[in-house]
Amino acid sequence: NGFLQALENRVKTRNHAVVIVAEGAGQNFFEKKEK
């Protein structure tokens, strides 16, 4: 149910994909980084 698998599903189905990400999204991935 992750984003990367979903992106792969889209590319396999339609041969292309467009992704928009806001700059503040996914900051939880950097919790170990010094603020």
All heavy atoms as atom14 arrays in JSON, in Angstrom:
{
  "sequence": "NGFLQALENRVKTRNHAVVIVAEGAGQNFFEKKEK",
  "atom14_mask": [
    [1, 1, 1, 1, 1, 1, 1, 1, 0, 0, 0, 0, 0, 0],
    [1, 1, 1, 1, 0, 0, 0, 0, 0, 0, 0, 0, 0, 0],
    [1, 1, 1, 1, 1, 1, 1, 1, 1, 1, 1, 0, 0, 0],
    [1, 1, 1, 1, 1, 1, 1, 1, 0, 0, 0, 0, 0, 0],
    [1, 1, 1, 1, 1, 1, 1, 1, 1, 0, 0, 0, 0, 0],
    [1, 1, 1, 1, 1, 0, 0, 0, 0, 0, 0, 0, 0, 0],
    [1, 1, 1, 1, 1, 1, 1, 1, 0, 0, 0, 0, 0, 0],
    [1, 1, 1, 1, 1, 1, 1, 1, 1, 0, 0, 0, 0, 0],
    [1, 1, 1, 1, 1, 1, 1, 1, 0, 0, 0, 0, 0, 0],
    [1, 1, 1, 1, 1, 1, 1, 1, 1, 1, 1, 0, 0, 0],
    [1, 1, 1, 1, 1, 1, 1, 0, 0, 0, 0, 0, 0, 0],
    [1, 1, 1, 1, 1, 1, 1, 1, 1, 0, 0, 0, 0, 0],
    [1, 1, 1, 1, 1, 1, 1, 0, 0, 0, 0, 0, 0, 0],
    [1, 1, 1, 1, 1, 1, 1, 1, 1, 1, 1, 0, 0, 0],
    [1, 1, 1, 1, 1, 1, 1, 1, 0, 0, 0, 0, 0, 0],
    [1, 1, 1, 1, 1, 1, 1, 1, 1, 1, 0, 0, 0, 0],
    [1, 1, 1, 1, 1, 0, 0, 0, 0, 0, 0, 0, 0, 0],
    [1, 1, 1, 1, 1, 1, 1, 0, 0, 0, 0, 0, 0, 0],
    [1, 1, 1, 1, 1, 1, 1, 0, 0, 0, 0, 0, 0, 0],
    [1, 1, 1, 1, 1, 1, 1, 1, 0, 0, 0, 0, 0, 0],
    [1, 1, 1, 1, 1, 1, 1, 0, 0, 0, 0, 0, 0, 0],
    [1, 1, 1, 1, 1, 0, 0, 0, 0, 0, 0, 0, 0, 0],
    [1, 1, 1, 1, 1, 1, 1, 1, 1, 0, 0, 0, 0, 0],
    [1, 1, 1, 1, 0, 0, 0, 0, 0, 0, 0, 0, 0, 0],
    [1, 1, 1, 1, 1, 0, 0, 0, 0, 0, 0, 0, 0, 0],
    [1, 1, 1, 1, 0, 0, 0, 0, 0, 0, 0, 0, 0, 0],
    [1, 1, 1, 1, 1, 1, 1, 1, 1, 0, 0, 0, 0, 0],
    [1, 1, 1, 1, 1, 1, 1, 1, 0, 0, 0, 0, 0, 0],
    [1, 1, 1, 1, 1, 1, 1, 1, 1, 1, 1, 0, 0, 0],
    [1, 1, 1, 1, 1, 1, 1, 1, 1, 1, 1, 0, 0, 0],
    [1, 1, 1, 1, 1, 1, 1, 1, 1, 0, 0, 0, 0, 0],
    [1, 1, 1, 1, 1, 1, 1, 1, 1, 0, 0, 0, 0, 0],
    [1, 1, 1, 1, 1, 1, 1, 1, 1, 0, 0, 0, 0, 0],
    [1, 1, 1, 1, 1, 1, 1, 1, 1, 0, 0, 0, 0, 0],
    [1, 1, 1, 1, 1, 1, 1, 1, 1, 0, 0, 0, 0, 0]
  ],
  "atom14_positions": [
    [[0.81, -1.22, 0.0], [0.0, 0.0, 0.0], [0.85, 1.27, 0.0], [0.34, 2.36, 0.27], [-0.93, 0.03, 1.21], [-1.97, -1.08, 1.14], [-2.59, -1.28, 0.11], [-2.14, -1.81, 2.23], [0.0, 0.0, 0.0], [0.0, 0.0, 0.0], [0.0, 0.0, 0.0], [0.0, 0.0, 0.0], [0.0, 0.0, 0.0], [0.0, 0.0, 0.0]],
    [[2.13, 1.11, -0.29], [3.03, 2.25, -0.27], [3.0, 3.04, -1.58], [2.55, 2.54, -2.63], [0.0, 0.0, 0.0], [0.0, 0.0, 0.0], [0.0, 0.0, 0.0], [0.0, 0.0, 0.0], [0.0, 0.0, 0.0], [0.0, 0.0, 0.0], [0.0, 0.0, 0.0], [0.0, 0.0, 0.0], [0.0, 0.0, 0.0], [0.0, 0.0, 0.0]],
    [[3.54, 4.25, -1.53], [3.54, 5.13, -2.69], [4.33, 4.56, -3.86], [3.89, 4.62, -5.02], [4.1, 6.51, -2.3], [4.48, 7.35, -3.49], [3.5, 7.87, -4.34], [5.82, 7.58, -3.79], [3.86, 8.62, -5.45], [6.17, 8.34, -4.9], [5.19, 8.86, -5.73], [0.0, 0.0, 0.0], [0.0, 0.0, 0.0], [0.0, 0.0, 0.0]],
    [[5.5, 3.97, -3.59], [6.35, 3.48, -4.68], [5.68, 2.34, -5.44], [5.76, 2.27, -6.68], [7.71, 3.07, -4.14], [8.57, 4.23, -3.63], [9.82, 3.71, -2.93], [8.96, 5.17, -4.78], [0.0, 0.0, 0.0], [0.0, 0.0, 0.0], [0.0, 0.0, 0.0], [0.0, 0.0, 0.0], [0.0, 0.0, 0.0], [0.0, 0.0, 0.0]],
    [[5.0, 1.46, -4.71], [4.28, 0.38, -5.37], [3.11, 0.93, -6.19], [2.84, 0.48, -7.31], [3.76, -0.63, -4.34], [3.06, -1.84, -4.95], [3.99, -2.65, -5.85], [5.02, -3.17, -5.41], [3.64, -2.77, -7.14], [0.0, 0.0, 0.0], [0.0, 0.0, 0.0], [0.0, 0.0, 0.0], [0.0, 0.0, 0.0], [0.0, 0.0, 0.0]],
    [[2.44, 1.93, -5.62], [1.32, 2.56, -6.34], [1.82, 3.23, -7.62], [1.16, 3.17, -8.67], [0.63, 3.57, -5.43], [0.0, 0.0, 0.0], [0.0, 0.0, 0.0], [0.0, 0.0, 0.0], [0.0, 0.0, 0.0], [0.0, 0.0, 0.0], [0.0, 0.0, 0.0], [0.0, 0.0, 0.0], [0.0, 0.0, 0.0], [0.0, 0.0, 0.0]],
    [[2.98, 3.89, -7.54], [3.56, 4.53, -8.72], [3.92, 3.48, -9.78], [3.66, 3.68, -10.98], [4.8, 5.33, -8.31], [5.52, 6.09, -9.43], [4.61, 7.11, -10.09], [6.78, 6.77, -8.88], [0.0, 0.0, 0.0], [0.0, 0.0, 0.0], [0.0, 0.0, 0.0], [0.0, 0.0, 0.0], [0.0, 0.0, 0.0], [0.0, 0.0, 0.0]],
    [[4.47, 2.37, -9.33], [4.79, 1.29, -10.27], [3.52, 0.76, -10.94], [3.49, 0.54, -12.15], [5.5, 0.15, -9.53], [5.87, -1.01, -10.44], [6.44, -2.21, -9.69], [7.03, -2.01, -8.6], [6.28, -3.35, -10.18], [0.0, 0.0, 0.0], [0.0, 0.0, 0.0], [0.0, 0.0, 0.0], [0.0, 0.0, 0.0], [0.0, 0.0, 0.0]],
    [[2.46, 0.6, -10.14], [1.19, 0.13, -10.7], [0.68, 1.08, -11.79], [0.2, 0.64, -12.84], [0.13, 0.01, -9.6], [0.49, -1.04, -8.56], [1.32, -1.91, -8.8], [-0.14, -0.94, -7.39], [0.0, 0.0, 0.0], [0.0, 0.0, 0.0], [0.0, 0.0, 0.0], [0.0, 0.0, 0.0], [0.0, 0.0, 0.0], [0.0, 0.0, 0.0]],
    [[0.77, 2.36, -11.53], [0.32, 3.36, -12.5], [1.16, 3.3, -13.77], [0.63, 3.32, -14.89], [0.39, 4.76, -11.87], [0.38, 5.92, -12.83], [-0.94, 6.15, -13.51], [-0.77, 7.03, -14.68], [-1.75, 7.56, -15.38], [-2.99, 7.32, -15.03], [-1.51, 8.33, -16.42], [0.0, 0.0, 0.0], [0.0, 0.0, 0.0], [0.0, 0.0, 0.0]],
    [[2.48, 3.24, -13.63], [3.36, 3.23, -14.8], [3.11, 1.98, -15.64], [3.07, 2.04, -16.88], [4.84, 3.33, -14.36], [5.78, 3.07, -15.54], [5.12, 4.71, -13.76], [0.0, 0.0, 0.0], [0.0, 0.0, 0.0], [0.0, 0.0, 0.0], [0.0, 0.0, 0.0], [0.0, 0.0, 0.0], [0.0, 0.0, 0.0], [0.0, 0.0, 0.0]],
    [[2.93, 0.85, -14.98], [2.67, -0.39, -15.71], [1.33, -0.34, -16.44], [1.17, -0.9, -17.53], [2.7, -1.58, -14.75], [4.1, -2.02, -14.34], [4.03, -3.21, -13.39], [5.42, -3.74, -13.09], [5.36, -4.87, -12.12], [0.0, 0.0, 0.0], [0.0, 0.0, 0.0], [0.0, 0.0, 0.0], [0.0, 0.0, 0.0], [0.0, 0.0, 0.0]],
    [[0.37, 0.33, -15.83], [-0.98, 0.4, -16.41], [-1.07, 1.4, -17.56], [-1.66, 1.13, -18.6], [-2.01, 0.8, -15.32], [-1.9, -0.11, -14.24], [-3.42, 0.77, -15.87], [0.0, 0.0, 0.0], [0.0, 0.0, 0.0], [0.0, 0.0, 0.0], [0.0, 0.0, 0.0], [0.0, 0.0, 0.0], [0.0, 0.0, 0.0], [0.0, 0.0, 0.0]],
    [[-0.46, 2.58, -17.38], [-0.66, 3.67, -18.33], [0.64, 4.15, -19.0], [0.61, 5.09, -19.79], [-1.32, 4.86, -17.63], [-2.7, 4.54, -17.04], [-3.73, 4.19, -18.11], [-3.91, 5.3, -19.03], [-4.72, 6.32, -18.83], [-5.44, 6.38, -17.71], [-4.84, 7.28, -19.71], [0.0, 0.0, 0.0], [0.0, 0.0, 0.0], [0.0, 0.0, 0.0]],
    [[1.77, 3.57, -18.63], [3.08, 3.89, -19.24], [3.64, 5.26, -18.87], [4.7, 5.65, -19.37], [3.02, 3.78, -20.77], [2.65, 2.38, -21.21], [3.15, 1.41, -20.64], [1.75, 2.26, -22.18], [0.0, 0.0, 0.0], [0.0, 0.0, 0.0], [0.0, 0.0, 0.0], [0.0, 0.0, 0.0], [0.0, 0.0, 0.0], [0.0, 0.0, 0.0]],
    [[2.95, 6.02, -18.05], [3.51, 7.29, -17.58], [2.77, 7.71, -16.31], [1.7, 7.18, -15.98], [3.38, 8.4, -18.64], [1.99, 8.89, -18.85], [1.05, 8.19, -19.57], [1.37, 10.02, -18.4], [-0.09, 8.86, -19.59], [0.08, 9.98, -18.88], [0.0, 0.0, 0.0], [0.0, 0.0, 0.0], [0.0, 0.0, 0.0], [0.0, 0.0, 0.0]],
    [[3.36, 8.66, -15.59], [2.74, 9.16, -14.35], [3.25, 10.56, -14.06], [4.37, 10.92, -14.42], [3.04, 8.23, -13.17], [0.0, 0.0, 0.0], [0.0, 0.0, 0.0], [0.0, 0.0, 0.0], [0.0, 0.0, 0.0], [0.0, 0.0, 0.0], [0.0, 0.0, 0.0], [0.0, 0.0, 0.0], [0.0, 0.0, 0.0], [0.0, 0.0, 0.0]],
    [[2.39, 11.36, -13.39], [2.76, 12.71, -12.95], [2.51, 12.79, -11.44], [1.43, 12.43, -10.96], [1.93, 13.78, -13.68], [2.25, 15.17, -13.11], [2.21, 13.75, -15.18], [0.0, 0.0, 0.0], [0.0, 0.0, 0.0], [0.0, 0.0, 0.0], [0.0, 0.0, 0.0], [0.0, 0.0, 0.0], [0.0, 0.0, 0.0], [0.0, 0.0, 0.0]],
    [[3.53, 13.24, -10.71], [3.48, 13.31, -9.25], [3.71, 14.76, -8.81], [4.68, 15.39, -9.24], [4.55, 12.41, -8.59], [4.45, 12.47, -7.07], [4.44, 10.97, -9.1], [0.0, 0.0, 0.0], [0.0, 0.0, 0.0], [0.0, 0.0, 0.0], [0.0, 0.0, 0.0], [0.0, 0.0, 0.0], [0.0, 0.0, 0.0], [0.0, 0.0, 0.0]],
    [[2.83, 15.27, -7.95], [3.03, 16.59, -7.33], [3.3, 16.37, -5.85], [2.58, 15.63, -5.19], [1.77, 17.47, -7.48], [1.45, 17.72, -8.96], [1.96, 18.8, -6.75], [0.11, 18.43, -9.17], [0.0, 0.0, 0.0], [0.0, 0.0, 0.0], [0.0, 0.0, 0.0], [0.0, 0.0, 0.0], [0.0, 0.0, 0.0], [0.0, 0.0, 0.0]],
    [[4.33, 17.02, -5.34], [4.62, 16.91, -3.91], [4.81, 18.32, -3.34], [5.5, 19.15, -3.91], [5.87, 16.03, -3.63], [7.12, 16.58, -4.32], [6.1, 15.88, -2.14], [0.0, 0.0, 0.0], [0.0, 0.0, 0.0], [0.0, 0.0, 0.0], [0.0, 0.0, 0.0], [0.0, 0.0, 0.0], [0.0, 0.0, 0.0], [0.0, 0.0, 0.0]],
    [[4.13, 18.6, -2.23], [4.33, 19.87, -1.52], [5.62, 19.79, -0.73], [5.99, 18.73, -0.22], [3.15, 20.14, -0.6], [0.0, 0.0, 0.0], [0.0, 0.0, 0.0], [0.0, 0.0, 0.0], [0.0, 0.0, 0.0], [0.0, 0.0, 0.0], [0.0, 0.0, 0.0], [0.0, 0.0, 0.0], [0.0, 0.0, 0.0], [0.0, 0.0, 0.0]],
    [[6.31, 20.92, -0.6], [7.65, 20.92, 0.0], [7.67, 20.42, 1.44], [8.69, 19.91, 1.92], [8.26, 22.31, -0.06], [7.5, 23.36, 0.74], [8.15, 24.72, 0.68], [9.39, 24.82, 0.74], [7.39, 25.72, 0.57], [0.0, 0.0, 0.0], [0.0, 0.0, 0.0], [0.0, 0.0, 0.0], [0.0, 0.0, 0.0], [0.0, 0.0, 0.0]],
    [[6.53, 20.54, 2.15], [6.51, 20.1, 3.54], [6.05, 18.67, 3.73], [5.99, 18.18, 4.87], [0.0, 0.0, 0.0], [0.0, 0.0, 0.0], [0.0, 0.0, 0.0], [0.0, 0.0, 0.0], [0.0, 0.0, 0.0], [0.0, 0.0, 0.0], [0.0, 0.0, 0.0], [0.0, 0.0, 0.0], [0.0, 0.0, 0.0], [0.0, 0.0, 0.0]],
    [[5.76, 17.98, 2.65], [5.3, 16.58, 2.76], [6.46, 15.67, 3.14], [7.63, 15.95, 2.83], [4.7, 16.13, 1.43], [0.0, 0.0, 0.0], [0.0, 0.0, 0.0], [0.0, 0.0, 0.0], [0.0, 0.0, 0.0], [0.0, 0.0, 0.0], [0.0, 0.0, 0.0], [0.0, 0.0, 0.0], [0.0, 0.0, 0.0], [0.0, 0.0, 0.0]],
    [[6.14, 14.57, 3.79], [7.12, 13.52, 4.06], [8.28, 13.9, 4.95], [9.32, 13.25, 4.92], [0.0, 0.0, 0.0], [0.0, 0.0, 0.0], [0.0, 0.0, 0.0], [0.0, 0.0, 0.0], [0.0, 0.0, 0.0], [0.0, 0.0, 0.0], [0.0, 0.0, 0.0], [0.0, 0.0, 0.0], [0.0, 0.0, 0.0], [0.0, 0.0, 0.0]],
    [[8.13, 14.93, 5.78], [9.24, 15.32, 6.65], [9.52, 14.28, 7.73], [10.58, 14.29, 8.36], [8.96, 16.69, 7.28], [8.93, 17.84, 6.28], [10.25, 17.99, 5.53], [11.3, 18.17, 6.14], [10.19, 17.89, 4.2], [0.0, 0.0, 0.0], [0.0, 0.0, 0.0], [0.0, 0.0, 0.0], [0.0, 0.0, 0.0], [0.0, 0.0, 0.0]],
    [[8.57, 13.36, 7.91], [8.79, 12.27, 8.88], [9.94, 11.36, 8.45], [10.53, 10.64, 9.26], [7.51, 11.44, 9.04], [6.97, 10.92, 7.73], [6.56, 11.71, 6.87], [6.92, 9.61, 7.55], [0.0, 0.0, 0.0], [0.0, 0.0, 0.0], [0.0, 0.0, 0.0], [0.0, 0.0, 0.0], [0.0, 0.0, 0.0], [0.0, 0.0, 0.0]],
    [[10.28, 11.38, 7.16], [11.39, 10.55, 6.69], [12.74, 11.08, 7.18], [13.76, 10.39, 7.08], [11.42, 10.5, 5.16], [10.19, 9.89, 4.55], [9.53, 10.52, 3.52], [9.69, 8.69, 5.02], [8.39, 9.97, 2.95], [8.55, 8.12, 4.47], [7.9, 8.76, 3.44], [0.0, 0.0, 0.0], [0.0, 0.0, 0.0], [0.0, 0.0, 0.0]],
    [[12.77, 12.3, 7.71], [14.04, 12.94, 8.08], [14.14, 13.2, 9.57], [14.9, 14.06, 10.01], [14.19, 14.28, 7.33], [13.95, 14.2, 5.85], [12.76, 14.62, 5.3], [14.92, 13.68, 5.01], [12.53, 14.55, 3.93], [14.72, 13.6, 3.65], [13.52, 14.03, 3.11], [0.0, 0.0, 0.0], [0.0, 0.0, 0.0], [0.0, 0.0, 0.0]],
    [[13.39, 12.43, 10.36], [13.34, 12.69, 11.8], [14.71, 12.55, 12.48], [14.97, 13.2, 13.48], [12.33, 11.75, 12.47], [10.89, 12.17, 12.19], [9.88, 11.19, 12.74], [10.3, 10.11, 13.21], [8.67, 11.49, 12.69], [0.0, 0.0, 0.0], [0.0, 0.0, 0.0], [0.0, 0.0, 0.0], [0.0, 0.0, 0.0], [0.0, 0.0, 0.0]],
    [[15.58, 11.73, 11.92], [16.89, 11.52, 12.54], [17.9, 12.59, 12.14], [18.99, 12.67, 12.69], [17.43, 10.14, 12.16], [16.62, 9.0, 12.77], [17.2, 7.65, 12.42], [16.37, 6.53, 13.04], [16.87, 5.18, 12.65], [0.0, 0.0, 0.0], [0.0, 0.0, 0.0], [0.0, 0.0, 0.0], [0.0, 0.0, 0.0], [0.0, 0.0, 0.0]],
    [[17.52, 13.43, 11.19], [18.42, 14.5, 10.75], [18.41, 15.63, 11.77], [17.39, 15.92, 12.4], [17.96, 15.05, 9.4], [18.08, 14.06, 8.26], [19.21, 14.47, 7.35], [19.27, 13.55, 6.13], [20.43, 13.85, 5.3], [0.0, 0.0, 0.0], [0.0, 0.0, 0.0], [0.0, 0.0, 0.0], [0.0, 0.0, 0.0], [0.0, 0.0, 0.0]],
    [[19.55, 16.29, 11.93], [19.64, 17.42, 12.84], [18.77, 18.58, 12.33], [18.81, 18.91, 11.14], [21.09, 17.89, 12.95], [21.29, 19.06, 13.89], [22.71, 19.61, 13.83], [23.55, 19.0, 13.16], [22.93, 20.67, 14.46], [0.0, 0.0, 0.0], [0.0, 0.0, 0.0], [0.0, 0.0, 0.0], [0.0, 0.0, 0.0], [0.0, 0.0, 0.0]],
    [[17.98, 19.17, 13.21], [17.11, 20.28, 12.81], [17.92, 21.57, 12.67], [18.72, 21.91, 13.53], [15.97, 20.46, 13.82], [14.9, 19.39, 13.74], [13.75, 19.69, 14.68], [12.57, 18.76, 14.46], [12.89, 17.35, 14.58], [0.0, 0.0, 0.0], [0.0, 0.0, 0.0], [0.0, 0.0, 0.0], [0.0, 0.0, 0.0], [0.0, 0.0, 0.0]]
  ]
}
